[in-house]
Amino acid sequence: MYYSHPCSYCNKVFYTFNESKFDAAKTLYASIKQHLIDYDEDHKEYDFDDGPSIDTNEVYAAMRESKDRPAGGYEV
């Protein structure tokens, strides 16, 4: 299954293919957080500042699930 979630600052969609929804949430959180750091946007947003455990659960609750690869997204 494909799971996707947008960046909390720039809205780029990140996606991953995984059998486990929770593992997908961990991957998406870590990838988006690193993206924010790499592009010096981490200090501009506050959605991913609660810590990995809380933020992973927030991504889990909000991410989208699809049998098809999201169009225009960034695979992680």
PDB file of N, CA and C in Angstrom:
ATOM      1  N   MET A   1       0.842  -1.164   0.000  1.00  0.00           N
ATOM      2  CA  MET A   1       0.000   0.000   0.000  1.00  0.00           C
ATOM      3  C   MET A   1       0.898   1.241   0.000  1.00  0.00           C
ATOM      4  N   TYR A   2       0.471   2.256  -0.713  1.00  0.00           N
ATOM      5  CA  TYR A   2       1.176   3.541  -0.721  1.00  0.00           C
ATOM      6  C   TYR A   2       0.572   4.447   0.347  1.00  0.00           C
ATOM      7  N   TYR A   3       1.439   5.122   1.064  1.00  0.00           N
ATOM      8  CA  TYR A   3       1.015   6.075   2.083  1.00  0.00           C
ATOM      9  C   TYR A   3       1.674   7.414   1.772  1.00  0.00           C
ATOM     10  N   SER A   4       0.931   8.486   1.915  1.00  0.00           N
ATOM     11  CA  SER A   4       1.485   9.800   1.588  1.00  0.00           C
ATOM     12  C   SER A   4       1.072  10.840   2.624  1.00  0.00           C
ATOM     13  N   HIS A   5       1.902  11.885   2.684  1.00  0.00           N
ATOM     14  CA  HIS A   5       1.643  12.993   3.610  1.00  0.00           C
ATOM     15  C   HIS A   5       2.377  14.210   3.059  1.00  0.00           C
ATOM     16  N   PRO A   6       1.752  15.384   3.094  1.00  0.00           N
ATOM     17  CA  PRO A   6       2.435  16.585   2.599  1.00  0.00           C
ATOM     18  C   PRO A   6       3.392  17.166   3.634  1.00  0.00           C
ATOM     19  N   CYS A   7       4.400  17.864   3.155  1.00  0.00           N
ATOM     20  CA  CYS A   7       5.286  18.626   4.026  1.00  0.00           C
ATOM     21  C   CYS A   7       4.438  19.683   4.731  1.00  0.00           C
ATOM     22  N   SER A   8       4.692  19.864   6.000  1.00  0.00           N
ATOM     23  CA  SER A   8       3.905  20.814   6.790  1.00  0.00           C
ATOM     24  C   SER A   8       4.222  22.268   6.465  1.00  0.00           C
ATOM     25  N   TYR A   9       5.291  22.496   5.713  1.00  0.00           N
ATOM     26  CA  TYR A   9       5.641  23.879   5.363  1.00  0.00           C
ATOM     27  C   TYR A   9       5.409  24.179   3.879  1.00  0.00           C
ATOM     28  N   CYS A  10       5.955  23.343   2.987  1.00  0.00           N
ATOM     29  CA  CYS A  10       5.884  23.658   1.555  1.00  0.00           C
ATOM     30  C   CYS A  10       4.805  22.869   0.812  1.00  0.00           C
ATOM     31  N   ASN A  11       4.167  21.914   1.474  1.00  0.00           N
ATOM     32  CA  ASN A  11       3.090  21.084   0.921  1.00  0.00           C
ATOM     33  C   ASN A  11       3.514  20.113  -0.171  1.00  0.00           C
ATOM     34  N   LYS A  12       4.825  19.873  -0.374  1.00  0.00           N
ATOM     35  CA  LYS A  12       5.260  18.807  -1.280  1.00  0.00           C
ATOM     36  C   LYS A  12       4.763  17.494  -0.687  1.00  0.00           C
ATOM     37  N   VAL A  13       4.277  16.611  -1.555  1.00  0.00           N
ATOM     38  CA  VAL A  13       3.748  15.340  -1.086  1.00  0.00           C
ATOM     39  C   VAL A  13       4.869  14.295  -1.089  1.00  0.00           C
ATOM     40  N   PHE A  14       5.056  13.654   0.049  1.00  0.00           N
ATOM     41  CA  PHE A  14       6.015  12.572   0.192  1.00  0.00           C
ATOM     42  C   PHE A  14       5.228  11.273   0.330  1.00  0.00           C
ATOM     43  N   TYR A  15       5.754  10.189  -0.268  1.00  0.00           N
ATOM     44  CA  TYR A  15       5.049   8.916  -0.162  1.00  0.00           C
ATOM     45  C   TYR A  15       6.035   7.772  -0.007  1.00  0.00           C
ATOM     46  N   THR A  16       5.521   6.682   0.515  1.00  0.00           N
ATOM     47  CA  THR A  16       6.296   5.468   0.678  1.00  0.00           C
ATOM     48  C   THR A  16       5.386   4.278   0.450  1.00  0.00           C
ATOM     49  N   PHE A  17       5.980   3.176   0.040  1.00  0.00           N
ATOM     50  CA  PHE A  17       5.241   1.921  -0.110  1.00  0.00           C
ATOM     51  C   PHE A  17       5.640   1.042   1.064  1.00  0.00           C
ATOM     52  N   ASN A  18       4.629   0.544   1.798  1.00  0.00           N
ATOM     53  CA  ASN A  18       4.918  -0.261   2.962  1.00  0.00           C
ATOM     54  C   ASN A  18       3.720  -1.136   3.287  1.00  0.00           C
ATOM     55  N   GLU A  19       3.982  -2.290   3.859  1.00  0.00           N
ATOM     56  CA  GLU A  19       2.902  -3.172   4.300  1.00  0.00           C
ATOM     57  C   GLU A  19       2.348  -2.744   5.653  1.00  0.00           C
ATOM     58  N   SER A  20       3.166  -2.066   6.435  1.00  0.00           N
ATOM     59  CA  SER A  20       2.772  -1.623   7.767  1.00  0.00           C
ATOM     60  C   SER A  20       2.468  -0.128   7.759  1.00  0.00           C
ATOM     61  N   LYS A  21       1.261   0.226   8.161  1.00  0.00           N
ATOM     62  CA  LYS A  21       0.878   1.636   8.192  1.00  0.00           C
ATOM     63  C   LYS A  21       1.721   2.409   9.208  1.00  0.00           C
ATOM     64  N   PHE A  22       2.022   1.807  10.364  1.00  0.00           N
ATOM     65  CA  PHE A  22       2.815   2.503  11.364  1.00  0.00           C
ATOM     66  C   PHE A  22       4.254   2.698  10.893  1.00  0.00           C
ATOM     67  N   ASP A  23       4.832   1.687  10.242  1.00  0.00           N
ATOM     68  CA  ASP A  23       6.189   1.838   9.694  1.00  0.00           C
ATOM     69  C   ASP A  23       6.210   2.919   8.619  1.00  0.00           C
ATOM     70  N   ALA A  24       5.155   3.002   7.840  1.00  0.00           N
ATOM     71  CA  ALA A  24       5.055   4.049   6.810  1.00  0.00           C
ATOM     72  C   ALA A  24       5.012   5.423   7.472  1.00  0.00           C
ATOM     73  N   ALA A  25       4.278   5.549   8.570  1.00  0.00           N
ATOM     74  CA  ALA A  25       4.195   6.829   9.287  1.00  0.00           C
ATOM     75  C   ALA A  25       5.561   7.233   9.825  1.00  0.00           C
ATOM     76  N   LYS A  26       6.329   6.275  10.358  1.00  0.00           N
ATOM     77  CA  LYS A  26       7.667   6.569  10.863  1.00  0.00           C
ATOM     78  C   LYS A  26       8.576   7.037   9.732  1.00  0.00           C
ATOM     79  N   THR A  27       8.489   6.372   8.587  1.00  0.00           N
ATOM     80  CA  THR A  27       9.305   6.744   7.430  1.00  0.00           C
ATOM     81  C   THR A  27       8.935   8.125   6.927  1.00  0.00           C
ATOM     82  N   LEU A  28       7.657   8.390   6.811  1.00  0.00           N
ATOM     83  CA  LEU A  28       7.213   9.702   6.328  1.00  0.00           C
ATOM     84  C   LEU A  28       7.602  10.809   7.292  1.00  0.00           C
ATOM     85  N   TYR A  29       7.409  10.593   8.582  1.00  0.00           N
ATOM     86  CA  TYR A  29       7.796  11.611   9.564  1.00  0.00           C
ATOM     87  C   TYR A  29       9.285  11.917   9.449  1.00  0.00           C
ATOM     88  N   ALA A  30      10.122  10.879   9.468  1.00  0.00           N
ATOM     89  CA  ALA A  30      11.575  11.073   9.423  1.00  0.00           C
ATOM     90  C   ALA A  30      11.999  11.769   8.132  1.00  0.00           C
ATOM     91  N   SER A  31      11.396  11.417   7.023  1.00  0.00           N
ATOM     92  CA  SER A  31      11.755  12.010   5.734  1.00  0.00           C
ATOM     93  C   SER A  31      11.330  13.469   5.644  1.00  0.00           C
ATOM     94  N   ILE A  32      10.138  13.774   6.098  1.00  0.00           N
ATOM     95  CA  ILE A  32       9.660  15.157   6.051  1.00  0.00           C
ATOM     96  C   ILE A  32      10.451  16.022   7.026  1.00  0.00           C
ATOM     97  N   LYS A  33      10.737  15.501   8.208  1.00  0.00           N
ATOM     98  CA  LYS A  33      11.529  16.252   9.180  1.00  0.00           C
ATOM     99  C   LYS A  33      12.916  16.559   8.608  1.00  0.00           C
ATOM    100  N   GLN A  34      13.548  15.566   7.965  1.00  0.00           N
ATOM    101  CA  GLN A  34      14.863  15.785   7.365  1.00  0.00           C
ATOM    102  C   GLN A  34      14.776  16.793   6.221  1.00  0.00           C
ATOM    103  N   HIS A  35      13.717  16.721   5.440  1.00  0.00           N
ATOM    104  CA  HIS A  35      13.484  17.682   4.357  1.00  0.00           C
ATOM    105  C   HIS A  35      13.413  19.104   4.925  1.00  0.00           C
ATOM    106  N   LEU A  36      12.683  19.280   6.025  1.00  0.00           N
ATOM    107  CA  LEU A  36      12.568  20.596   6.653  1.00  0.00           C
ATOM    108  C   LEU A  36      13.936  21.100   7.120  1.00  0.00           C
ATOM    109  N   ILE A  37      14.726  20.216   7.673  1.00  0.00           N
ATOM    110  CA  ILE A  37      16.066  20.591   8.134  1.00  0.00           C
ATOM    111  C   ILE A  37      16.967  20.932   6.950  1.00  0.00           C
ATOM    112  N   ASP A  38      16.962  20.081   5.923  1.00  0.00           N
ATOM    113  CA  ASP A  38      17.829  20.276   4.754  1.00  0.00           C
ATOM    114  C   ASP A  38      17.556  21.587   4.027  1.00  0.00           C
ATOM    115  N   TYR A  39      16.301  21.978   3.986  1.00  0.00           N
ATOM    116  CA  TYR A  39      15.927  23.198   3.269  1.00  0.00           C
ATOM    117  C   TYR A  39      15.776  24.403   4.202  1.00  0.00           C
ATOM    118  N   ASP A  40      16.264  24.267   5.424  1.00  0.00           N
ATOM    119  CA  ASP A  40      16.252  25.340   6.413  1.00  0.00           C
ATOM    120  C   ASP A  40      14.840  25.904   6.627  1.00  0.00           C
ATOM    121  N   GLU A  41      13.872  24.989   6.688  1.00  0.00           N
ATOM    122  CA  GLU A  41      12.481  25.384   6.905  1.00  0.00           C
ATOM    123  C   GLU A  41      11.970  24.905   8.269  1.00  0.00           C
ATOM    124  N   ASP A  42      12.787  24.135   8.982  1.00  0.00           N
ATOM    125  CA  ASP A  42      12.329  23.536  10.235  1.00  0.00           C
ATOM    126  C   ASP A  42      11.943  24.585  11.275  1.00  0.00           C
ATOM    127  N   HIS A  43      12.644  25.685  11.308  1.00  0.00           N
ATOM    128  CA  HIS A  43      12.334  26.733  12.287  1.00  0.00           C
ATOM    129  C   HIS A  43      11.125  27.583  11.876  1.00  0.00           C
ATOM    130  N   LYS A  44      10.624  27.376  10.642  1.00  0.00           N
ATOM    131  CA  LYS A  44       9.504  28.175  10.140  1.00  0.00           C
ATOM    132  C   LYS A  44       8.148  27.517  10.384  1.00  0.00           C
ATOM    133  N   GLU A  45       8.152  26.260  10.774  1.00  0.00           N
ATOM    134  CA  GLU A  45       6.890  25.567  11.003  1.00  0.00           C
ATOM    135  C   GLU A  45       6.913  24.915  12.372  1.00  0.00           C
ATOM    136  N   TYR A  46       5.734  24.567  12.888  1.00  0.00           N
ATOM    137  CA  TYR A  46       5.641  24.056  14.245  1.00  0.00           C
ATOM    138  C   TYR A  46       4.891  22.728  14.344  1.00  0.00           C
ATOM    139  N   ASP A  47       4.455  22.169  13.228  1.00  0.00           N
ATOM    140  CA  ASP A  47       3.714  20.906  13.250  1.00  0.00           C
ATOM    141  C   ASP A  47       4.596  19.723  13.630  1.00  0.00           C
ATOM    142  N   PHE A  48       5.881  19.793  13.337  1.00  0.00           N
ATOM    143  CA  PHE A  48       6.780  18.678  13.582  1.00  0.00           C
ATOM    144  C   PHE A  48       7.750  18.988  14.717  1.00  0.00           C
ATOM    145  N   ASP A  49       7.280  19.642  15.756  1.00  0.00           N
ATOM    146  CA  ASP A  49       8.130  20.031  16.878  1.00  0.00           C
ATOM    147  C   ASP A  49       7.751  19.364  18.201  1.00  0.00           C
ATOM    148  N   ASP A  50       6.879  18.376  18.169  1.00  0.00           N
ATOM    149  CA  ASP A  50       6.427  17.735  19.397  1.00  0.00           C
ATOM    150  C   ASP A  50       7.254  16.508  19.775  1.00  0.00           C
ATOM    151  N   GLY A  51       8.185  16.112  18.930  1.00  0.00           N
ATOM    152  CA  GLY A  51       8.999  14.920  19.165  1.00  0.00           C
ATOM    153  C   GLY A  51       8.571  13.788  18.264  1.00  0.00           C
ATOM    154  N   PRO A  52       9.488  12.867  17.992  1.00  0.00           N
ATOM    155  CA  PRO A  52       9.214  11.784  17.034  1.00  0.00           C
ATOM    156  C   PRO A  52       7.990  10.932  17.364  1.00  0.00           C
ATOM    157  N   SER A  53       7.784  10.593  18.612  1.00  0.00           N
ATOM    158  CA  SER A  53       6.664   9.728  18.971  1.00  0.00           C
ATOM    159  C   SER A  53       5.322  10.398  18.702  1.00  0.00           C
ATOM    160  N   ILE A  54       5.148  11.597  19.182  1.00  0.00           N
ATOM    161  CA  ILE A  54       3.885  12.323  19.005  1.00  0.00           C
ATOM    162  C   ILE A  54       3.667  12.664  17.536  1.00  0.00           C
ATOM    163  N   ASP A  55       4.708  13.163  16.882  1.00  0.00           N
ATOM    164  CA  ASP A  55       4.570  13.560  15.476  1.00  0.00           C
ATOM    165  C   ASP A  55       4.323  12.365  14.561  1.00  0.00           C
ATOM    166  N   THR A  56       4.936  11.222  14.856  1.00  0.00           N
ATOM    167  CA  THR A  56       4.680  10.020  14.068  1.00  0.00           C
ATOM    168  C   THR A  56       3.216   9.627  14.179  1.00  0.00           C
ATOM    169  N   ASN A  57       2.649   9.713  15.379  1.00  0.00           N
ATOM    170  CA  ASN A  57       1.229   9.394  15.564  1.00  0.00           C
ATOM    171  C   ASN A  57       0.334  10.389  14.828  1.00  0.00           C
ATOM    172  N   GLU A  58       0.739  11.652  14.767  1.00  0.00           N
ATOM    173  CA  GLU A  58      -0.036  12.652  14.023  1.00  0.00           C
ATOM    174  C   GLU A  58       0.010  12.364  12.516  1.00  0.00           C
ATOM    175  N   VAL A  59       1.188  11.983  12.016  1.00  0.00           N
ATOM    176  CA  VAL A  59       1.310  11.614  10.609  1.00  0.00           C
ATOM    177  C   VAL A  59       0.449  10.383  10.336  1.00  0.00           C
ATOM    178  N   TYR A  60       0.500   9.407  11.230  1.00  0.00           N
ATOM    179  CA  TYR A  60      -0.294   8.179  11.098  1.00  0.00           C
ATOM    180  C   TYR A  60      -1.780   8.506  10.932  1.00  0.00           C
ATOM    181  N   ALA A  61      -2.267   9.424  11.737  1.00  0.00           N
ATOM    182  CA  ALA A  61      -3.687   9.776  11.702  1.00  0.00           C
ATOM    183  C   ALA A  61      -4.071  10.573  10.456  1.00  0.00           C
ATOM    184  N   ALA A  62      -3.117  11.325   9.902  1.00  0.00           N
ATOM    185  CA  ALA A  62      -3.448  12.234   8.808  1.00  0.00           C
ATOM    186  C   ALA A  62      -3.027  11.750   7.417  1.00  0.00           C
ATOM    187  N   MET A  63      -2.164  10.745   7.338  1.00  0.00           N
ATOM    188  CA  MET A  63      -1.661  10.359   6.018  1.00  0.00           C
ATOM    189  C   MET A  63      -2.734   9.675   5.181  1.00  0.00           C
ATOM    190  N   ARG A  64      -2.529   9.720   3.880  1.00  0.00           N
ATOM    191  CA  ARG A  64      -3.476   9.106   2.946  1.00  0.00           C
ATOM    192  C   ARG A  64      -2.960   7.744   2.519  1.00  0.00           C
ATOM    193  N   GLU A  65      -3.887   6.869   2.235  1.00  0.00           N
ATOM    194  CA  GLU A  65      -3.582   5.498   1.852  1.00  0.00           C
ATOM    195  C   GLU A  65      -4.142   5.247   0.458  1.00  0.00           C
ATOM    196  N   SER A  66      -3.355   4.576  -0.404  1.00  0.00           N
ATOM    197  CA  SER A  66      -3.798   4.337  -1.767  1.00  0.00           C
ATOM    198  C   SER A  66      -3.135   3.086  -2.327  1.00  0.00           C
ATOM    199  N   LYS A  67      -3.842   2.412  -3.209  1.00  0.00           N
ATOM    200  CA  LYS A  67      -3.256   1.270  -3.910  1.00  0.00           C
ATOM    201  C   LYS A  67      -2.358   1.735  -5.047  1.00  0.00           C
ATOM    202  N   ASP A  68      -2.549   2.971  -5.483  1.00  0.00           N
ATOM    203  CA  ASP A  68      -1.770   3.531  -6.590  1.00  0.00           C
ATOM    204  C   ASP A  68      -0.771   4.556  -6.083  1.00  0.00           C
ATOM    205  N   ARG A  69       0.345   4.647  -6.793  1.00  0.00           N
ATOM    206  CA  ARG A  69       1.380   5.626  -6.458  1.00  0.00           C
ATOM    207  C   ARG A  69       0.816   7.036  -6.622  1.00  0.00           C
ATOM    208  N   PRO A  70       1.017   7.910  -5.633  1.00  0.00           N
ATOM    209  CA  PRO A  70       0.529   9.289  -5.751  1.00  0.00           C
ATOM    210  C   PRO A  70       1.229  10.026  -6.904  1.00  0.00           C
ATOM    211  N   ALA A  71       0.475  10.682  -7.725  1.00  0.00           N
ATOM    212  CA  ALA A  71       1.038  11.417  -8.859  1.00  0.00           C
ATOM    213  C   ALA A  71       1.765  12.668  -8.367  1.00  0.00           C
ATOM    214  N   GLY A  72       2.950  12.874  -8.847  1.00  0.00           N
ATOM    215  CA  GLY A  72       3.694  14.093  -8.523  1.00  0.00           C
ATOM    216  C   GLY A  72       4.325  14.120  -7.152  1.00  0.00           C
ATOM    217  N   GLY A  73       4.298  13.001  -6.443  1.00  0.00           N
ATOM    218  CA  GLY A  73       4.880  12.968  -5.116  1.00  0.00           C
ATOM    219  C   GLY A  73       6.357  12.591  -5.151  1.00  0.00           C
ATOM    220  N   TYR A  74       6.997  12.700  -3.997  1.00  0.00           N
ATOM    221  CA  TYR A  74       8.402  12.355  -3.837  1.00  0.00           C
ATOM    222  C   TYR A  74       8.501  11.058  -3.049  1.00  0.00           C
ATOM    223  N   GLU A  75       9.069  10.023  -3.658  1.00  0.00           N
ATOM    224  CA  GLU A  75       9.185   8.732  -2.993  1.00  0.00           C
ATOM    225  C   GLU A  75      10.295   8.745  -1.952  1.00  0.00           C
ATOM    226  N   VAL A  76      10.010   8.191  -0.781  1.00  0.00           N
ATOM    227  CA  VAL A  76      11.021   8.084   0.286  1.00  0.00           C
ATOM    228  C   VAL A  76      11.144   6.651   0.734  1.00  0.00           C
TER     229      VAL A  76
END
